[in-house]
C-alpha cells in the first residue's frame, strides 16, 4: 500500500513537470494572439500596477516638491543677501560720487586723470606673423584717434595706438616684445598703492612684467594691477590684470610681479580707444 502511494506521487510529479515544460514551450512559441490565461495575468498585473502607480507618483511628486521648496528657499535667502550687499554698495558708490563732485567743486577742477573719452572701433586686420604684437582697427585721426592713446576691451587694457592714419590705426599690444613699451601702473594693496612700470611680456608664462616695486611692499596674489595715469598717456584706473607671483629682481633691491592680463590678447574683435579728458581739455584751450 505505501509503495502504491509512493509511485502515485512520483507519477503526479512527472506529469506536472511535463505539463510545465509544455506550458513554457507554448508560451515561447510565436503567436499572434494570447491565451485567455495570459491575457488574464497581463490584465491583472497591469491593473495592479495602475492601482499603485498613481499613489506612488503622487508620493514621489510630493517629496520632490518639498525638496524644490527647500532649494527655492535657500536660493531666495542667498539672493536677498546679495541684494542687500548690492544696495549697500550702490549707496557707497553714490556717496563717493557725491564727495568726489564736492571736492572737485572746492578745487575748481573739472577733469581728473581717471576721466576719458571712449572711441569704439572694430579690429579689421591682424598679421599672422606678428599675431602677438599688433592689430589694425577701423578708426583713425578723422575719428579722433591719435598715437599713444590707450586701447581697451571689456576685459581690460590691451595696448596703445602705435600709428594713426586718417581712417585706420595700428595698435601695439601689451604682449608685444618691446622693451620701450612702458606703462605706469600700480598694485592696489590693502593699505596703499604700490607703483611700478609694466616692462615687457613673458611669452612662456603669458604674463606681463611689473618692475620697480619697493622691496618692503606687501603684495599678495590676486591683487589688482591698474594704470596709474602718471605716465602722461593712459587714464588712471584702467584694469591691466592681477598679481600672479611676486619675486625679487635680479639685484635683490626691488620686487618684480608677474601679472596675469585681464584681457585676452588672442581673441580680439571690438575695442575702445580711450582719450584722457584732461588732454582733450588742454587741446581745446590751445585751439582757442
C-alpha atoms as a PDB file:
ATOM      1  CA  UNK A   1       0.000   0.000   0.000  1.00  0.00           C
ATOM      2  CA  UNK A   2       2.715   2.560   0.838  1.00  0.00           C
ATOM      3  CA  UNK A   3       4.592   1.572  -2.340  1.00  0.00           C
ATOM      4  CA  UNK A   4       1.459   2.369  -4.368  1.00  0.00           C
ATOM      5  CA  UNK A   5       1.141   5.869  -2.909  1.00  0.00           C
ATOM      6  CA  UNK A   6       4.837   6.471  -3.476  1.00  0.00           C
ATOM      7  CA  UNK A   7       4.549   5.569  -7.153  1.00  0.00           C
ATOM      8  CA  UNK A   8       1.402   7.662  -7.445  1.00  0.00           C
ATOM      9  CA  UNK A   9       3.224  10.750  -6.113  1.00  0.00           C
ATOM     10  CA  UNK A  10       6.120  10.109  -8.478  1.00  0.00           C
ATOM     11  CA  UNK A  11       3.787   9.841 -11.437  1.00  0.00           C
ATOM     12  CA  UNK A  12       1.973  13.056 -10.395  1.00  0.00           C
ATOM     13  CA  UNK A  13       5.307  14.863 -10.145  1.00  0.00           C
ATOM     14  CA  UNK A  14       6.397  13.708 -13.595  1.00  0.00           C
ATOM     15  CA  UNK A  15       3.056  14.713 -15.108  1.00  0.00           C
ATOM     16  CA  UNK A  16       3.346  18.179 -13.504  1.00  0.00           C
ATOM     17  CA  UNK A  17       6.871  18.635 -14.856  1.00  0.00           C
ATOM     18  CA  UNK A  18       5.778  17.612 -18.342  1.00  0.00           C
ATOM     19  CA  UNK A  19       2.814  19.970 -18.174  1.00  0.00           C
ATOM     20  CA  UNK A  20       5.033  22.799 -17.008  1.00  0.00           C
ATOM     21  CA  UNK A  21       7.566  22.216 -19.784  1.00  0.00           C
ATOM     22  CA  UNK A  22       4.772  22.107 -22.329  1.00  0.00           C
ATOM     23  CA  UNK A  23       3.318  25.332 -20.973  1.00  0.00           C
ATOM     24  CA  UNK A  24       6.691  27.064 -21.164  1.00  0.00           C
ATOM     25  CA  UNK A  25       7.222  25.898 -24.710  1.00  0.00           C
ATOM     26  CA  UNK A  26       3.762  27.053 -25.636  1.00  0.00           C
ATOM     27  CA  UNK A  27       4.425  30.472 -24.135  1.00  0.00           C
ATOM     28  CA  UNK A  28       7.706  30.883 -26.019  1.00  0.00           C
ATOM     29  CA  UNK A  29       6.115  29.998 -29.322  1.00  0.00           C
ATOM     30  CA  UNK A  30       5.484  32.931 -31.700  1.00  0.00           C
ATOM     31  CA  UNK A  31       1.769  33.604 -31.637  1.00  0.00           C
ATOM     32  CA  UNK A  32      -0.434  36.387 -32.871  1.00  0.00           C
ATOM     33  CA  UNK A  33      -2.892  36.090 -30.003  1.00  0.00           C
ATOM     34  CA  UNK A  34      -2.526  35.426 -26.287  1.00  0.00           C
ATOM     35  CA  UNK A  35      -4.414  32.711 -24.449  1.00  0.00           C
ATOM     36  CA  UNK A  36      -7.150  33.696 -22.024  1.00  0.00           C
ATOM     37  CA  UNK A  37      -4.919  32.801 -19.073  1.00  0.00           C
ATOM     38  CA  UNK A  38      -2.068  35.001 -20.338  1.00  0.00           C
ATOM     39  CA  UNK A  39      -4.491  37.795 -21.024  1.00  0.00           C
ATOM     40  CA  UNK A  40      -5.904  37.456 -17.542  1.00  0.00           C
ATOM     41  CA  UNK A  41      -2.444  37.530 -15.942  1.00  0.00           C
ATOM     42  CA  UNK A  42      -1.332  40.556 -18.014  1.00  0.00           C
ATOM     43  CA  UNK A  43      -4.558  42.458 -17.386  1.00  0.00           C
ATOM     44  CA  UNK A  44      -4.406  41.718 -13.681  1.00  0.00           C
ATOM     45  CA  UNK A  45      -0.764  42.789 -13.482  1.00  0.00           C
ATOM     46  CA  UNK A  46      -1.477  45.975 -15.444  1.00  0.00           C
ATOM     47  CA  UNK A  47      -4.440  46.810 -13.211  1.00  0.00           C
ATOM     48  CA  UNK A  48      -2.374  46.311 -10.060  1.00  0.00           C
ATOM     49  CA  UNK A  49       0.451  48.454 -11.494  1.00  0.00           C
ATOM     50  CA  UNK A  50      -2.039  51.161 -12.446  1.00  0.00           C
ATOM     51  CA  UNK A  51      -3.588  50.955  -8.997  1.00  0.00           C
ATOM     52  CA  UNK A  52      -0.266  51.568  -7.241  1.00  0.00           C
ATOM     53  CA  UNK A  53       1.377  53.770  -9.901  1.00  0.00           C
ATOM     54  CA  UNK A  54      -0.717  56.871  -9.300  1.00  0.00           C
ATOM     55  CA  UNK A  55      -0.306  56.940  -5.494  1.00  0.00           C
ATOM     56  CA  UNK A  56       3.426  56.233  -5.896  1.00  0.00           C
ATOM     57  CA  UNK A  57       3.722  59.129  -8.350  1.00  0.00           C
ATOM     58  CA  UNK A  58       1.838  61.409  -6.003  1.00  0.00           C
ATOM     59  CA  UNK A  59       4.057  60.496  -3.059  1.00  0.00           C
ATOM     60  CA  UNK A  60       7.252  60.888  -5.120  1.00  0.00           C
ATOM     61  CA  UNK A  61       5.996  64.182  -6.535  1.00  0.00           C
ATOM     62  CA  UNK A  62       5.170  65.411  -3.031  1.00  0.00           C
ATOM     63  CA  UNK A  63       8.713  64.771  -1.787  1.00  0.00           C
ATOM     64  CA  UNK A  64      10.180  66.359  -4.943  1.00  0.00           C
ATOM     65  CA  UNK A  65       8.022  69.436  -4.386  1.00  0.00           C
ATOM     66  CA  UNK A  66       9.163  69.644  -0.763  1.00  0.00           C
ATOM     67  CA  UNK A  67      12.805  69.453  -1.901  1.00  0.00           C
ATOM     68  CA  UNK A  68      12.185  72.100  -4.568  1.00  0.00           C
ATOM     69  CA  UNK A  69      10.620  74.371  -1.957  1.00  0.00           C
ATOM     70  CA  UNK A  70      13.677  73.926   0.284  1.00  0.00           C
ATOM     71  CA  UNK A  71      16.044  74.712  -2.615  1.00  0.00           C
ATOM     72  CA  UNK A  72      13.953  77.730  -3.605  1.00  0.00           C
ATOM     73  CA  UNK A  73      14.032  78.977  -0.012  1.00  0.00           C
ATOM     74  CA  UNK A  74      17.830  78.674   0.126  1.00  0.00           C
ATOM     75  CA  UNK A  75      18.277  80.407  -3.244  1.00  0.00           C
ATOM     76  CA  UNK A  76      15.871  83.153  -2.206  1.00  0.00           C
ATOM     77  CA  UNK A  77      17.836  83.704   1.007  1.00  0.00           C
ATOM     78  CA  UNK A  78      21.142  83.940  -0.906  1.00  0.00           C
ATOM     79  CA  UNK A  79      19.610  86.358  -3.442  1.00  0.00           C
ATOM     80  CA  UNK A  80      18.276  88.562  -0.630  1.00  0.00           C
ATOM     81  CA  UNK A  81      21.717  88.709   0.964  1.00  0.00           C
ATOM     82  CA  UNK A  82      23.325  89.635  -2.367  1.00  0.00           C
ATOM     83  CA  UNK A  83      20.620  92.229  -3.000  1.00  0.00           C
ATOM     84  CA  UNK A  84      21.327  93.797   0.367  1.00  0.00           C
ATOM     85  CA  UNK A  85      25.044  93.860  -0.456  1.00  0.00           C
ATOM     86  CA  UNK A  86      24.271  95.450  -3.826  1.00  0.00           C
ATOM     87  CA  UNK A  87      22.091  98.136  -2.208  1.00  0.00           C
ATOM     88  CA  UNK A  88      24.850  98.916   0.301  1.00  0.00           C
ATOM     89  CA  UNK A  89      27.447  99.027  -2.472  1.00  0.00           C
ATOM     90  CA  UNK A  90      25.278 101.297  -4.602  1.00  0.00           C
ATOM     91  CA  UNK A  91      24.762 103.628  -1.667  1.00  0.00           C
ATOM     92  CA  UNK A  92      28.515 103.704  -1.052  1.00  0.00           C
ATOM     93  CA  UNK A  93      29.193 104.469  -4.720  1.00  0.00           C
ATOM     94  CA  UNK A  94      26.688 107.312  -4.680  1.00  0.00           C
ATOM     95  CA  UNK A  95      28.279 108.722  -1.528  1.00  0.00           C
ATOM     96  CA  UNK A  96      31.766 108.564  -3.037  1.00  0.00           C
ATOM     97  CA  UNK A  97      30.491 110.129  -6.242  1.00  0.00           C
ATOM     98  CA  UNK A  98      28.943 112.994  -4.304  1.00  0.00           C
ATOM     99  CA  UNK A  99      32.108 113.535  -2.265  1.00  0.00           C
ATOM    100  CA  UNK A 100      34.183 113.499  -5.470  1.00  0.00           C
ATOM    101  CA  UNK A 101      31.966 116.148  -7.050  1.00  0.00           C
ATOM    102  CA  UNK A 102      32.168 118.301  -3.908  1.00  0.00           C
ATOM    103  CA  UNK A 103      35.959 118.051  -3.793  1.00  0.00           C
ATOM    104  CA  UNK A 104      36.233 118.966  -7.460  1.00  0.00           C
ATOM    105  CA  UNK A 105      33.968 121.941  -6.892  1.00  0.00           C
ATOM    106  CA  UNK A 106      36.146 123.098  -3.985  1.00  0.00           C
ATOM    107  CA  UNK A 107      39.312 122.705  -6.063  1.00  0.00           C
ATOM    108  CA  UNK A 108      37.557 124.052  -9.177  1.00  0.00           C
ATOM    109  CA  UNK A 109      38.865 121.057 -11.043  1.00  0.00           C
ATOM    110  CA  UNK A 110      36.663 119.726 -13.851  1.00  0.00           C
ATOM    111  CA  UNK A 111      38.784 116.857 -15.100  1.00  0.00           C
ATOM    112  CA  UNK A 112      40.898 114.168 -13.466  1.00  0.00           C
ATOM    113  CA  UNK A 113      43.361 111.575 -14.675  1.00  0.00           C
ATOM    114  CA  UNK A 114      40.604 108.962 -14.351  1.00  0.00           C
ATOM    115  CA  UNK A 115      38.207 110.580 -16.848  1.00  0.00           C
ATOM    116  CA  UNK A 116      38.381 109.652 -20.504  1.00  0.00           C
ATOM    117  CA  UNK A 117      36.504 109.821 -23.792  1.00  0.00           C
ATOM    118  CA  UNK A 118      35.684 106.475 -25.437  1.00  0.00           C
ATOM    119  CA  UNK A 119      36.053 105.811 -29.174  1.00  0.00           C
ATOM    120  CA  UNK A 120      34.609 102.457 -30.227  1.00  0.00           C
ATOM    121  CA  UNK A 121      36.394 100.542 -33.002  1.00  0.00           C
ATOM    122  CA  UNK A 122      36.495  97.142 -34.699  1.00  0.00           C
ATOM    123  CA  UNK A 123      39.540  95.028 -35.476  1.00  0.00           C
ATOM    124  CA  UNK A 124      39.901  94.730 -39.255  1.00  0.00           C
ATOM    125  CA  UNK A 125      43.366  93.202 -39.580  1.00  0.00           C
ATOM    126  CA  UNK A 126      45.996  91.134 -37.818  1.00  0.00           C
ATOM    127  CA  UNK A 127      49.299  89.914 -39.223  1.00  0.00           C
ATOM    128  CA  UNK A 128      49.677  86.146 -38.592  1.00  0.00           C
ATOM    129  CA  UNK A 129      53.458  86.586 -38.380  1.00  0.00           C
ATOM    130  CA  UNK A 130      53.060  89.261 -35.691  1.00  0.00           C
ATOM    131  CA  UNK A 131      49.930  87.898 -34.011  1.00  0.00           C
ATOM    132  CA  UNK A 132      51.096  88.853 -30.506  1.00  0.00           C
ATOM    133  CA  UNK A 133      52.322  92.304 -31.459  1.00  0.00           C
ATOM    134  CA  UNK A 134      49.819  94.431 -33.414  1.00  0.00           C
ATOM    135  CA  UNK A 135      46.235  94.702 -34.654  1.00  0.00           C
ATOM    136  CA  UNK A 136      44.602  97.154 -37.077  1.00  0.00           C
ATOM    137  CA  UNK A 137      41.345  98.940 -36.214  1.00  0.00           C
ATOM    138  CA  UNK A 138      38.836 100.812 -38.383  1.00  0.00           C
ATOM    139  CA  UNK A 139      39.157 104.213 -36.678  1.00  0.00           C
ATOM    140  CA  UNK A 140      41.841 106.855 -37.311  1.00  0.00           C
ATOM    141  CA  UNK A 141      42.646 110.538 -36.977  1.00  0.00           C
ATOM    142  CA  UNK A 142      39.347 111.555 -38.570  1.00  0.00           C
ATOM    143  CA  UNK A 143      37.569 109.931 -35.610  1.00  0.00           C
ATOM    144  CA  UNK A 144      39.913 111.451 -33.022  1.00  0.00           C
ATOM    145  CA  UNK A 145      42.362 108.563 -32.682  1.00  0.00           C
ATOM    146  CA  UNK A 146      45.973 109.611 -32.104  1.00  0.00           C
ATOM    147  CA  UNK A 147      49.290 107.973 -31.359  1.00  0.00           C
ATOM    148  CA  UNK A 148      49.840 106.585 -27.848  1.00  0.00           C
ATOM    149  CA  UNK A 149      46.156 106.509 -26.896  1.00  0.00           C
ATOM    150  CA  UNK A 150      45.214 103.578 -24.682  1.00  0.00           C
ATOM    151  CA  UNK A 151      43.168 100.727 -26.168  1.00  0.00           C
ATOM    152  CA  UNK A 152      40.966  98.506 -24.014  1.00  0.00           C
ATOM    153  CA  UNK A 153      38.386  95.724 -24.260  1.00  0.00           C
ATOM    154  CA  UNK A 154      35.652  94.886 -21.710  1.00  0.00           C
ATOM    155  CA  UNK A 155      38.288  92.691 -20.017  1.00  0.00           C
ATOM    156  CA  UNK A 156      40.930  95.381 -19.593  1.00  0.00           C
ATOM    157  CA  UNK A 157      43.875  97.169 -21.206  1.00  0.00           C
ATOM    158  CA  UNK A 158      45.332  95.505 -24.323  1.00  0.00           C
ATOM    159  CA  UNK A 159      47.761  98.124 -25.655  1.00  0.00           C
ATOM    160  CA  UNK A 160      48.170 101.559 -27.194  1.00  0.00           C
ATOM    161  CA  UNK A 161      47.918 103.203 -30.604  1.00  0.00           C
ATOM    162  CA  UNK A 162      51.245 102.812 -32.387  1.00  0.00           C
ATOM    163  CA  UNK A 163      50.392 104.632 -35.632  1.00  0.00           C
ATOM    164  CA  UNK A 164      47.256 106.502 -36.680  1.00  0.00           C
ATOM    165  CA  UNK A 165      46.274 107.058 -40.310  1.00  0.00           C
ATOM    166  CA  UNK A 166      43.250 109.029 -41.471  1.00  0.00           C
ATOM    167  CA  UNK A 167      40.716 106.190 -41.178  1.00  0.00           C
ATOM    168  CA  UNK A 168      42.650 103.325 -39.582  1.00  0.00           C
ATOM    169  CA  UNK A 169      45.148 102.830 -36.776  1.00  0.00           C
ATOM    170  CA  UNK A 170      47.710 100.234 -35.701  1.00  0.00           C
ATOM    171  CA  UNK A 171      47.549  99.105 -32.086  1.00  0.00           C
ATOM    172  CA  UNK A 172      50.600  97.729 -30.303  1.00  0.00           C
ATOM    173  CA  UNK A 173      49.541  95.015 -27.852  1.00  0.00           C
ATOM    174  CA  UNK A 174      50.912  94.618 -24.352  1.00  0.00           C
ATOM    175  CA  UNK A 175      52.074  91.146 -25.390  1.00  0.00           C
ATOM    176  CA  UNK A 176      54.478  92.745 -27.856  1.00  0.00           C
ATOM    177  CA  UNK A 177      58.156  92.032 -27.175  1.00  0.00           C
ATOM    178  CA  UNK A 178      59.179  95.686 -26.979  1.00  0.00           C
ATOM    179  CA  UNK A 179      61.430  96.958 -24.196  1.00  0.00           C
ATOM    180  CA  UNK A 180      60.279 100.522 -24.849  1.00  0.00           C
ATOM    181  CA  UNK A 181      56.638  99.651 -24.229  1.00  0.00           C
ATOM    182  CA  UNK A 182      56.436 101.036 -20.662  1.00  0.00           C
ATOM    183  CA  UNK A 183      53.188 101.599 -18.754  1.00  0.00           C
ATOM    184  CA  UNK A 184      52.942 103.392 -15.434  1.00  0.00           C
ATOM    185  CA  UNK A 185      50.892 101.151 -13.136  1.00  0.00           C
ATOM    186  CA  UNK A 186      50.165 100.388  -9.513  1.00  0.00           C
ATOM    187  CA  UNK A 187      49.116  97.443  -7.360  1.00  0.00           C
ATOM    188  CA  UNK A 188      46.130  98.095  -5.122  1.00  0.00           C
ATOM    189  CA  UNK A 189      47.147  96.524  -1.799  1.00  0.00           C
ATOM    190  CA  UNK A 190      45.125  96.505   1.421  1.00  0.00           C
ATOM    191  CA  UNK A 191      46.774  99.607   2.862  1.00  0.00           C
ATOM    192  CA  UNK A 192      48.327 101.514  -0.017  1.00  0.00           C
ATOM    193  CA  UNK A 193      49.003 101.738  -3.737  1.00  0.00           C
ATOM    194  CA  UNK A 194      52.395 100.386  -4.822  1.00  0.00           C
ATOM    195  CA  UNK A 195      53.639 101.975  -8.043  1.00  0.00           C
ATOM    196  CA  UNK A 196      55.815 100.477 -10.752  1.00  0.00           C
ATOM    197  CA  UNK A 197      56.227 100.076 -14.507  1.00  0.00           C
ATOM    198  CA  UNK A 198      54.947  97.392 -16.857  1.00  0.00           C
ATOM    199  CA  UNK A 199      58.123  96.485 -18.739  1.00  0.00           C
ATOM    200  CA  UNK A 200      57.728  93.607 -21.141  1.00  0.00           C
ATOM    201  CA  UNK A 201      55.879  90.337 -21.524  1.00  0.00           C
ATOM    202  CA  UNK A 202      56.889  86.799 -20.587  1.00  0.00           C
ATOM    203  CA  UNK A 203      55.756  84.726 -23.563  1.00  0.00           C
ATOM    204  CA  UNK A 204      56.249  81.372 -21.812  1.00  0.00           C
ATOM    205  CA  UNK A 205      54.173  82.320 -18.768  1.00  0.00           C
ATOM    206  CA  UNK A 206      51.761  84.539 -20.731  1.00  0.00           C
ATOM    207  CA  UNK A 207      52.312  87.215 -18.082  1.00  0.00           C
ATOM    208  CA  UNK A 208      53.157  90.909 -18.017  1.00  0.00           C
ATOM    209  CA  UNK A 209      56.184  92.076 -16.014  1.00  0.00           C
ATOM    210  CA  UNK A 210      55.630  94.802 -13.433  1.00  0.00           C
ATOM    211  CA  UNK A 211      59.011  96.058 -12.217  1.00  0.00           C
ATOM    212  CA  UNK A 212      60.491  98.672  -9.887  1.00  0.00           C
ATOM    213  CA  UNK A 213      58.278  97.951  -6.863  1.00  0.00           C
ATOM    214  CA  UNK A 214      59.676  98.795  -3.423  1.00  0.00           C
ATOM    215  CA  UNK A 215      61.136  95.751  -1.718  1.00  0.00           C
ATOM    216  CA  UNK A 216      59.177  96.209   1.532  1.00  0.00           C
ATOM    217  CA  UNK A 217      55.810  96.438  -0.266  1.00  0.00           C
ATOM    218  CA  UNK A 218      53.331  93.802   0.950  1.00  0.00           C
ATOM    219  CA  UNK A 219      51.915  92.460  -2.293  1.00  0.00           C
ATOM    220  CA  UNK A 220      49.714  89.377  -2.433  1.00  0.00           C
ATOM    221  CA  UNK A 221      48.322  87.158  -5.167  1.00  0.00           C
ATOM    222  CA  UNK A 222      45.059  88.160  -6.867  1.00  0.00           C
ATOM    223  CA  UNK A 223      45.535  91.852  -6.055  1.00  0.00           C
ATOM    224  CA  UNK A 224      44.544  94.173  -8.906  1.00  0.00           C
ATOM    225  CA  UNK A 225      47.038  95.954 -11.145  1.00  0.00           C
ATOM    226  CA  UNK A 226      45.801  99.144 -12.838  1.00  0.00           C
ATOM    227  CA  UNK A 227      47.133 102.102 -14.789  1.00  0.00           C
ATOM    228  CA  UNK A 228      48.258 104.994 -12.590  1.00  0.00           C
ATOM    229  CA  UNK A 229      47.675 107.805 -15.055  1.00  0.00           C
ATOM    230  CA  UNK A 230      51.100 109.228 -14.179  1.00  0.00           C
ATOM    231  CA  UNK A 231      52.792 108.275 -17.426  1.00  0.00           C
ATOM    232  CA  UNK A 232      51.076 111.099 -19.298  1.00  0.00           C
ATOM    233  CA  UNK A 233      49.419 108.703 -21.766  1.00  0.00           C
ATOM    234  CA  UNK A 234      46.834 106.427 -20.165  1.00  0.00           C
ATOM    235  CA  UNK A 235      43.932 107.437 -17.925  1.00  0.00           C
ATOM    236  CA  UNK A 236      44.053 106.316 -14.314  1.00  0.00           C
ATOM    237  CA  UNK A 237      42.270 103.145 -13.200  1.00  0.00           C
ATOM    238  CA  UNK A 238      42.252 101.046 -16.387  1.00  0.00           C
ATOM    239  CA  UNK A 239      42.479  97.370 -15.341  1.00  0.00           C
ATOM    240  CA  UNK A 240      45.656  95.636 -16.503  1.00  0.00           C
ATOM    241  CA  UNK A 241      45.444  92.332 -14.636  1.00  0.00           C
ATOM    242  CA  UNK A 242      46.053  90.711 -11.275  1.00  0.00           C
ATOM    243  CA  UNK A 243      49.127  89.639  -9.325  1.00  0.00           C
ATOM    244  CA  UNK A 244      50.177  86.111 -10.204  1.00  0.00           C
ATOM    245  CA  UNK A 245      53.578  85.868  -8.473  1.00  0.00           C
ATOM    246  CA  UNK A 246      55.952  88.210  -6.631  1.00  0.00           C
ATOM    247  CA  UNK A 247      59.725  87.718  -6.939  1.00  0.00           C
ATOM    248  CA  UNK A 248      62.792  89.834  -6.095  1.00  0.00           C
ATOM    249  CA  UNK A 249      64.594  91.417  -9.040  1.00  0.00           C
ATOM    250  CA  UNK A 250      67.992  90.215 -10.187  1.00  0.00           C
ATOM    251  CA  UNK A 251      69.803  92.600  -7.795  1.00  0.00           C
ATOM    252  CA  UNK A 252      67.501  91.987  -4.823  1.00  0.00           C
ATOM    253  CA  UNK A 253      66.790  95.700  -4.306  1.00  0.00           C
ATOM    254  CA  UNK A 254      63.245  95.826  -5.661  1.00  0.00           C
ATOM    255  CA  UNK A 255      60.432  93.426  -6.435  1.00  0.00           C
ATOM    256  CA  UNK A 256      59.034  92.223  -9.729  1.00  0.00           C
ATOM    257  CA  UNK A 257      55.476  90.988 -10.210  1.00  0.00           C
ATOM    258  CA  UNK A 258      54.189  88.563 -12.818  1.00  0.00           C
ATOM    259  CA  UNK A 259      50.820  89.983 -13.822  1.00  0.00           C
ATOM    260  CA  UNK A 260      48.093  87.811 -15.310  1.00  0.00           C
ATOM    261  CA  UNK A 261      46.456  90.005 -18.020  1.00  0.00           C
ATOM    262  CA  UNK A 262      42.807  90.874 -17.509  1.00  0.00           C
ATOM    263  CA  UNK A 263      42.183  90.933 -21.271  1.00  0.00           C
ATOM    264  CA  UNK A 264      42.576  88.189 -23.845  1.00  0.00           C
ATOM    265  CA  UNK A 265      45.248  89.203 -26.369  1.00  0.00           C
ATOM    266  CA  UNK A 266      44.421  86.363 -28.766  1.00  0.00           C
ATOM    267  CA  UNK A 267      40.675  86.817 -29.297  1.00  0.00           C
ATOM    268  CA  UNK A 268      40.016  90.495 -30.033  1.00  0.00           C
ATOM    269  CA  UNK A 269      37.108  91.694 -32.175  1.00  0.00           C
ATOM    270  CA  UNK A 270      35.939  95.021 -30.765  1.00  0.00           C
ATOM    271  CA  UNK A 271      37.976  97.565 -28.816  1.00  0.00           C
ATOM    272  CA  UNK A 272      37.676 101.004 -27.230  1.00  0.00           C
ATOM    273  CA  UNK A 273      40.274 103.697 -27.803  1.00  0.00           C
ATOM    274  CA  UNK A 274      40.366 105.977 -24.760  1.00  0.00           C
ATOM    275  CA  UNK A 275      41.466 109.598 -24.634  1.00  0.00           C
ATOM    276  CA  UNK A 276      42.089 111.371 -21.351  1.00  0.00           C
ATOM    277  CA  UNK A 277      39.646 114.237 -20.834  1.00  0.00           C
ATOM    278  CA  UNK A 278      42.368 116.332 -19.285  1.00  0.00           C
ATOM    279  CA  UNK A 279      44.316 116.088 -22.563  1.00  0.00           C
ATOM    280  CA  UNK A 280      41.174 116.889 -24.561  1.00  0.00           C
ATOM    281  CA  UNK A 281      40.579 119.979 -22.406  1.00  0.00           C
ATOM    282  CA  UNK A 282      44.155 121.153 -22.940  1.00  0.00           C
ATOM    283  CA  UNK A 283      43.797 120.714 -26.719  1.00  0.00           C
ATOM    284  CA  UNK A 284      40.599 122.767 -26.695  1.00  0.00           C
ATOM    285  CA  UNK A 285      42.303 125.576 -24.778  1.00  0.00           C
ATOM    286  CA  UNK A 286      45.265 125.546 -27.167  1.00  0.00           C
ATOM    287  CA  UNK A 287      42.904 125.662 -30.147  1.00  0.00           C
ATOM    288  CA  UNK A 288      41.269 128.805 -28.728  1.00  0.00           C
END
